Amino acid sequence: MAKKSKQSKSGQAAQAKAGQAIPAKGEQAMPIKSEQPVPTKGELEVLKILWKSGPSSVRYVHDILSTSVKNVRYTSTLKTMQVMTERGMLTRDETQMTHVYYPLLEEEKTMGSILDRFVDSVYDGSISNLLVTFMNNNKSSVEELNKVKELLKKLDKDK
């Protein structure tokens, strides 16, 4: 005969409030990650516009996107921004007829998170491998390479 679970429904509710998933029988409880959402390429384009221009309407964001992306439809921009609001990346002021969207994600933190994921997935977490690739890349200008050298010298002095 199988043992009954000793966890009551109120215990499950407390566990859910504590940010843990309610495990199935025989499974261990795993805490829910409260990480910052990672934007898709299209969502990142919207965020970049909002970071640069400040709070904006869908029409304004769409007009800027239309200059850099061919065949983007207004309804696609609207839906993207609505989804971003649901995902916690944007907030919307609905007090006026034209809704104004504000970014909730910080630019530096978001870019750092994207870079971390990129380095982890492409370079197995090795920043030195990333730098070697960067230095050997034909697209790297002399100015960019000199900036990297200066940064490395500064880091060396600070340690």
C-alpha atoms as a PDB file:
ATOM      1  CA  MET A   1       0.000   0.000   0.000  1.00  0.00           C
ATOM      2  CA  ALA A   2       1.395   3.428  -0.934  1.00  0.00           C
ATOM      3  CA  LYS A   3       2.068   5.984   1.764  1.00  0.00           C
ATOM      4  CA  LYS A   4      -0.087   9.088   1.792  1.00  0.00           C
ATOM      5  CA  SER A   5       1.618  12.437   1.445  1.00  0.00           C
ATOM      6  CA  LYS A   6       1.950  14.203   4.776  1.00  0.00           C
ATOM      7  CA  GLN A   7       1.864  17.624   3.132  1.00  0.00           C
ATOM      8  CA  SER A   8      -1.506  19.297   3.559  1.00  0.00           C
ATOM      9  CA  LYS A   9      -3.182  21.592   1.080  1.00  0.00           C
ATOM     10  CA  SER A  10      -2.256  24.566   3.266  1.00  0.00           C
ATOM     11  CA  GLY A  11       1.351  23.361   3.180  1.00  0.00           C
ATOM     12  CA  GLN A  12       1.191  23.280  -0.609  1.00  0.00           C
ATOM     13  CA  ALA A  13      -0.218  26.804  -0.656  1.00  0.00           C
ATOM     14  CA  ALA A  14       2.602  28.004   1.611  1.00  0.00           C
ATOM     15  CA  GLN A  15       5.122  26.272  -0.641  1.00  0.00           C
ATOM     16  CA  ALA A  16       3.640  27.959  -3.715  1.00  0.00           C
ATOM     17  CA  LYS A  17       3.785  31.352  -1.958  1.00  0.00           C
ATOM     18  CA  ALA A  18       7.421  30.723  -1.051  1.00  0.00           C
ATOM     19  CA  GLY A  19       8.250  30.520  -4.762  1.00  0.00           C
ATOM     20  CA  GLN A  20       8.540  26.771  -5.058  1.00  0.00           C
ATOM     21  CA  ALA A  21       6.835  24.521  -7.548  1.00  0.00           C
ATOM     22  CA  ILE A  22       4.561  21.893  -6.047  1.00  0.00           C
ATOM     23  CA  PRO A  23       6.266  18.588  -6.857  1.00  0.00           C
ATOM     24  CA  ALA A  24       4.488  15.455  -8.033  1.00  0.00           C
ATOM     25  CA  LYS A  25       4.605  12.422  -5.764  1.00  0.00           C
ATOM     26  CA  GLY A  26       8.146  11.214  -5.257  1.00  0.00           C
ATOM     27  CA  GLU A  27       9.780  14.380  -6.659  1.00  0.00           C
ATOM     28  CA  GLN A  28      11.856  16.970  -4.824  1.00  0.00           C
ATOM     29  CA  ALA A  29      10.684  20.588  -4.618  1.00  0.00           C
ATOM     30  CA  MET A  30      12.664  22.928  -6.875  1.00  0.00           C
ATOM     31  CA  PRO A  31      12.700  26.695  -6.261  1.00  0.00           C
ATOM     32  CA  ILE A  32      11.304  28.795  -9.085  1.00  0.00           C
ATOM     33  CA  LYS A  33      13.969  30.992 -10.676  1.00  0.00           C
ATOM     34  CA  SER A  34      13.149  34.674 -10.489  1.00  0.00           C
ATOM     35  CA  GLU A  35      15.523  35.709 -13.248  1.00  0.00           C
ATOM     36  CA  GLN A  36      15.106  38.750 -15.417  1.00  0.00           C
ATOM     37  CA  PRO A  37      13.338  37.850 -18.676  1.00  0.00           C
ATOM     38  CA  VAL A  38      15.665  37.584 -21.656  1.00  0.00           C
ATOM     39  CA  PRO A  39      14.344  39.508 -24.658  1.00  0.00           C
ATOM     40  CA  THR A  40      14.174  38.045 -28.149  1.00  0.00           C
ATOM     41  CA  LYS A  41      15.924  39.865 -31.009  1.00  0.00           C
ATOM     42  CA  GLY A  42      12.719  41.748 -31.893  1.00  0.00           C
ATOM     43  CA  GLU A  43      12.010  42.613 -28.260  1.00  0.00           C
ATOM     44  CA  LEU A  44      15.573  43.875 -27.875  1.00  0.00           C
ATOM     45  CA  GLU A  45      15.037  46.241 -30.821  1.00  0.00           C
ATOM     46  CA  VAL A  46      11.965  47.675 -29.060  1.00  0.00           C
ATOM     47  CA  LEU A  47      13.887  48.028 -25.788  1.00  0.00           C
ATOM     48  CA  LYS A  48      16.773  49.819 -27.532  1.00  0.00           C
ATOM     49  CA  ILE A  49      14.336  52.381 -28.951  1.00  0.00           C
ATOM     50  CA  LEU A  50      12.735  52.942 -25.540  1.00  0.00           C
ATOM     51  CA  TRP A  51      16.123  53.200 -23.799  1.00  0.00           C
ATOM     52  CA  LYS A  52      17.303  55.775 -26.327  1.00  0.00           C
ATOM     53  CA  SER A  53      14.085  57.774 -26.750  1.00  0.00           C
ATOM     54  CA  GLY A  54      12.406  57.289 -23.385  1.00  0.00           C
ATOM     55  CA  PRO A  55       8.734  56.395 -22.850  1.00  0.00           C
ATOM     56  CA  SER A  56       7.003  56.161 -26.226  1.00  0.00           C
ATOM     57  CA  SER A  57       3.816  55.159 -28.007  1.00  0.00           C
ATOM     58  CA  VAL A  58       3.507  52.078 -30.201  1.00  0.00           C
ATOM     59  CA  ARG A  59       3.257  54.362 -33.254  1.00  0.00           C
ATOM     60  CA  TYR A  60       6.588  56.051 -32.429  1.00  0.00           C
ATOM     61  CA  VAL A  61       8.360  52.711 -31.839  1.00  0.00           C
ATOM     62  CA  HIS A  62       6.816  51.312 -35.031  1.00  0.00           C
ATOM     63  CA  ASP A  63       7.974  54.311 -37.084  1.00  0.00           C
ATOM     64  CA  ILE A  64      11.561  53.892 -35.830  1.00  0.00           C
ATOM     65  CA  LEU A  65      11.470  50.117 -36.449  1.00  0.00           C
ATOM     66  CA  SER A  66      10.131  50.691 -39.972  1.00  0.00           C
ATOM     67  CA  THR A  67      13.258  52.619 -40.905  1.00  0.00           C
ATOM     68  CA  SER A  68      15.554  49.741 -39.942  1.00  0.00           C
ATOM     69  CA  VAL A  69      13.386  46.638 -40.501  1.00  0.00           C
ATOM     70  CA  LYS A  70      11.592  46.047 -43.786  1.00  0.00           C
ATOM     71  CA  ASN A  71       7.931  45.035 -43.854  1.00  0.00           C
ATOM     72  CA  VAL A  72       7.209  45.399 -40.145  1.00  0.00           C
ATOM     73  CA  ARG A  73       3.489  45.846 -39.562  1.00  0.00           C
ATOM     74  CA  TYR A  74       1.986  48.114 -36.938  1.00  0.00           C
ATOM     75  CA  THR A  75      -0.038  45.218 -35.511  1.00  0.00           C
ATOM     76  CA  SER A  76       3.157  43.176 -35.096  1.00  0.00           C
ATOM     77  CA  THR A  77       4.804  46.016 -33.175  1.00  0.00           C
ATOM     78  CA  LEU A  78       1.687  46.407 -31.017  1.00  0.00           C
ATOM     79  CA  LYS A  79       1.495  42.682 -30.254  1.00  0.00           C
ATOM     80  CA  THR A  80       5.223  42.506 -29.464  1.00  0.00           C
ATOM     81  CA  MET A  81       4.892  45.372 -26.983  1.00  0.00           C
ATOM     82  CA  GLN A  82       1.784  43.804 -25.403  1.00  0.00           C
ATOM     83  CA  VAL A  83       3.632  40.504 -24.940  1.00  0.00           C
ATOM     84  CA  MET A  84       6.624  42.354 -23.498  1.00  0.00           C
ATOM     85  CA  THR A  85       4.264  43.992 -20.995  1.00  0.00           C
ATOM     86  CA  GLU A  86       2.888  40.564 -20.009  1.00  0.00           C
ATOM     87  CA  ARG A  87       6.454  39.223 -19.623  1.00  0.00           C
ATOM     88  CA  GLY A  88       7.406  42.095 -17.315  1.00  0.00           C
ATOM     89  CA  MET A  89       9.760  43.910 -19.695  1.00  0.00           C
ATOM     90  CA  LEU A  90       7.551  46.967 -20.233  1.00  0.00           C
ATOM     91  CA  THR A  91       4.817  48.805 -18.409  1.00  0.00           C
ATOM     92  CA  ARG A  92       2.027  50.767 -20.040  1.00  0.00           C
ATOM     93  CA  ASP A  93       0.414  54.066 -19.031  1.00  0.00           C
ATOM     94  CA  GLU A  94      -3.224  53.811 -20.090  1.00  0.00           C
ATOM     95  CA  THR A  95      -4.408  57.125 -18.622  1.00  0.00           C
ATOM     96  CA  GLN A  96      -4.376  58.873 -22.020  1.00  0.00           C
ATOM     97  CA  MET A  97      -5.960  57.812 -25.281  1.00  0.00           C
ATOM     98  CA  THR A  98      -2.512  57.000 -26.680  1.00  0.00           C
ATOM     99  CA  HIS A  99      -0.876  54.407 -24.450  1.00  0.00           C
ATOM    100  CA  VAL A 100       2.720  55.126 -23.512  1.00  0.00           C
ATOM    101  CA  TYR A 101       5.156  52.277 -22.851  1.00  0.00           C
ATOM    102  CA  TYR A 102       8.077  52.432 -20.404  1.00  0.00           C
ATOM    103  CA  PRO A 103      10.952  49.936 -20.197  1.00  0.00           C
ATOM    104  CA  LEU A 104      11.164  48.030 -16.915  1.00  0.00           C
ATOM    105  CA  LEU A 105      14.489  46.377 -17.751  1.00  0.00           C
ATOM    106  CA  GLU A 106      17.715  48.287 -17.217  1.00  0.00           C
ATOM    107  CA  GLU A 107      19.857  48.548 -20.330  1.00  0.00           C
ATOM    108  CA  GLU A 108      23.207  47.645 -18.736  1.00  0.00           C
ATOM    109  CA  LYS A 109      21.791  44.711 -16.762  1.00  0.00           C
ATOM    110  CA  THR A 110      19.919  43.368 -19.802  1.00  0.00           C
ATOM    111  CA  MET A 111      22.934  43.621 -22.098  1.00  0.00           C
ATOM    112  CA  GLY A 112      25.093  41.946 -19.440  1.00  0.00           C
ATOM    113  CA  SER A 113      22.591  39.105 -19.130  1.00  0.00           C
ATOM    114  CA  ILE A 114      22.499  38.617 -22.910  1.00  0.00           C
ATOM    115  CA  LEU A 115      26.307  38.672 -23.068  1.00  0.00           C
ATOM    116  CA  ASP A 116      26.586  36.137 -20.226  1.00  0.00           C
ATOM    117  CA  ARG A 117      24.216  33.746 -22.018  1.00  0.00           C
ATOM    118  CA  PHE A 118      26.098  34.227 -25.296  1.00  0.00           C
ATOM    119  CA  VAL A 119      29.521  33.587 -23.734  1.00  0.00           C
ATOM    120  CA  ASP A 120      28.173  30.540 -21.871  1.00  0.00           C
ATOM    121  CA  SER A 121      26.512  28.996 -24.913  1.00  0.00           C
ATOM    122  CA  VAL A 122      29.062  29.833 -27.631  1.00  0.00           C
ATOM    123  CA  TYR A 123      32.380  29.966 -25.743  1.00  0.00           C
ATOM    124  CA  ASP A 124      31.606  27.600 -22.829  1.00  0.00           C
ATOM    125  CA  GLY A 125      31.863  30.549 -20.449  1.00  0.00           C
ATOM    126  CA  SER A 126      35.389  31.513 -21.548  1.00  0.00           C
ATOM    127  CA  ILE A 127      35.826  35.254 -21.967  1.00  0.00           C
ATOM    128  CA  SER A 128      39.404  34.721 -23.142  1.00  0.00           C
ATOM    129  CA  ASN A 129      38.137  32.615 -26.073  1.00  0.00           C
ATOM    130  CA  LEU A 130      35.671  35.386 -26.889  1.00  0.00           C
ATOM    131  CA  LEU A 131      38.465  37.981 -26.863  1.00  0.00           C
ATOM    132  CA  VAL A 132      40.708  35.837 -29.052  1.00  0.00           C
ATOM    133  CA  THR A 133      37.891  35.532 -31.594  1.00  0.00           C
ATOM    134  CA  PHE A 134      37.246  39.252 -31.372  1.00  0.00           C
ATOM    135  CA  MET A 135      40.922  40.103 -31.894  1.00  0.00           C
ATOM    136  CA  ASN A 136      41.154  37.789 -34.921  1.00  0.00           C
ATOM    137  CA  ASN A 137      37.931  39.090 -36.452  1.00  0.00           C
ATOM    138  CA  ASN A 138      38.473  41.100 -39.619  1.00  0.00           C
ATOM    139  CA  LYS A 139      35.610  43.422 -38.628  1.00  0.00           C
ATOM    140  CA  SER A 140      37.520  44.728 -35.600  1.00  0.00           C
ATOM    141  CA  SER A 141      38.882  48.183 -36.347  1.00  0.00           C
ATOM    142  CA  VAL A 142      42.259  49.412 -35.144  1.00  0.00           C
ATOM    143  CA  GLU A 143      40.403  51.852 -32.868  1.00  0.00           C
ATOM    144  CA  GLU A 144      38.380  49.026 -31.278  1.00  0.00           C
ATOM    145  CA  LEU A 145      41.481  46.898 -30.781  1.00  0.00           C
ATOM    146  CA  ASN A 146      43.293  49.825 -29.131  1.00  0.00           C
ATOM    147  CA  LYS A 147      40.329  50.364 -26.776  1.00  0.00           C
ATOM    148  CA  VAL A 148      40.490  46.706 -25.736  1.00  0.00           C
ATOM    149  CA  LYS A 149      44.222  46.967 -25.131  1.00  0.00           C
ATOM    150  CA  GLU A 150      43.715  50.082 -22.980  1.00  0.00           C
ATOM    151  CA  LEU A 151      40.984  48.349 -20.967  1.00  0.00           C
ATOM    152  CA  LEU A 152      43.214  45.324 -20.388  1.00  0.00           C
ATOM    153  CA  LYS A 153      46.083  47.581 -19.238  1.00  0.00           C
ATOM    154  CA  LYS A 154      43.730  49.391 -16.864  1.00  0.00           C
ATOM    155  CA  LEU A 155      42.430  46.107 -15.452  1.00  0.00           C
ATOM    156  CA  ASP A 156      46.001  44.912 -14.965  1.00  0.00           C
ATOM    157  CA  LYS A 157      46.905  48.100 -13.058  1.00  0.00           C
ATOM    158  CA  ASP A 158      43.815  47.849 -10.834  1.00  0.00           C
ATOM    159  CA  LYS A 159      44.716  44.325  -9.674  1.00  0.00           C
END
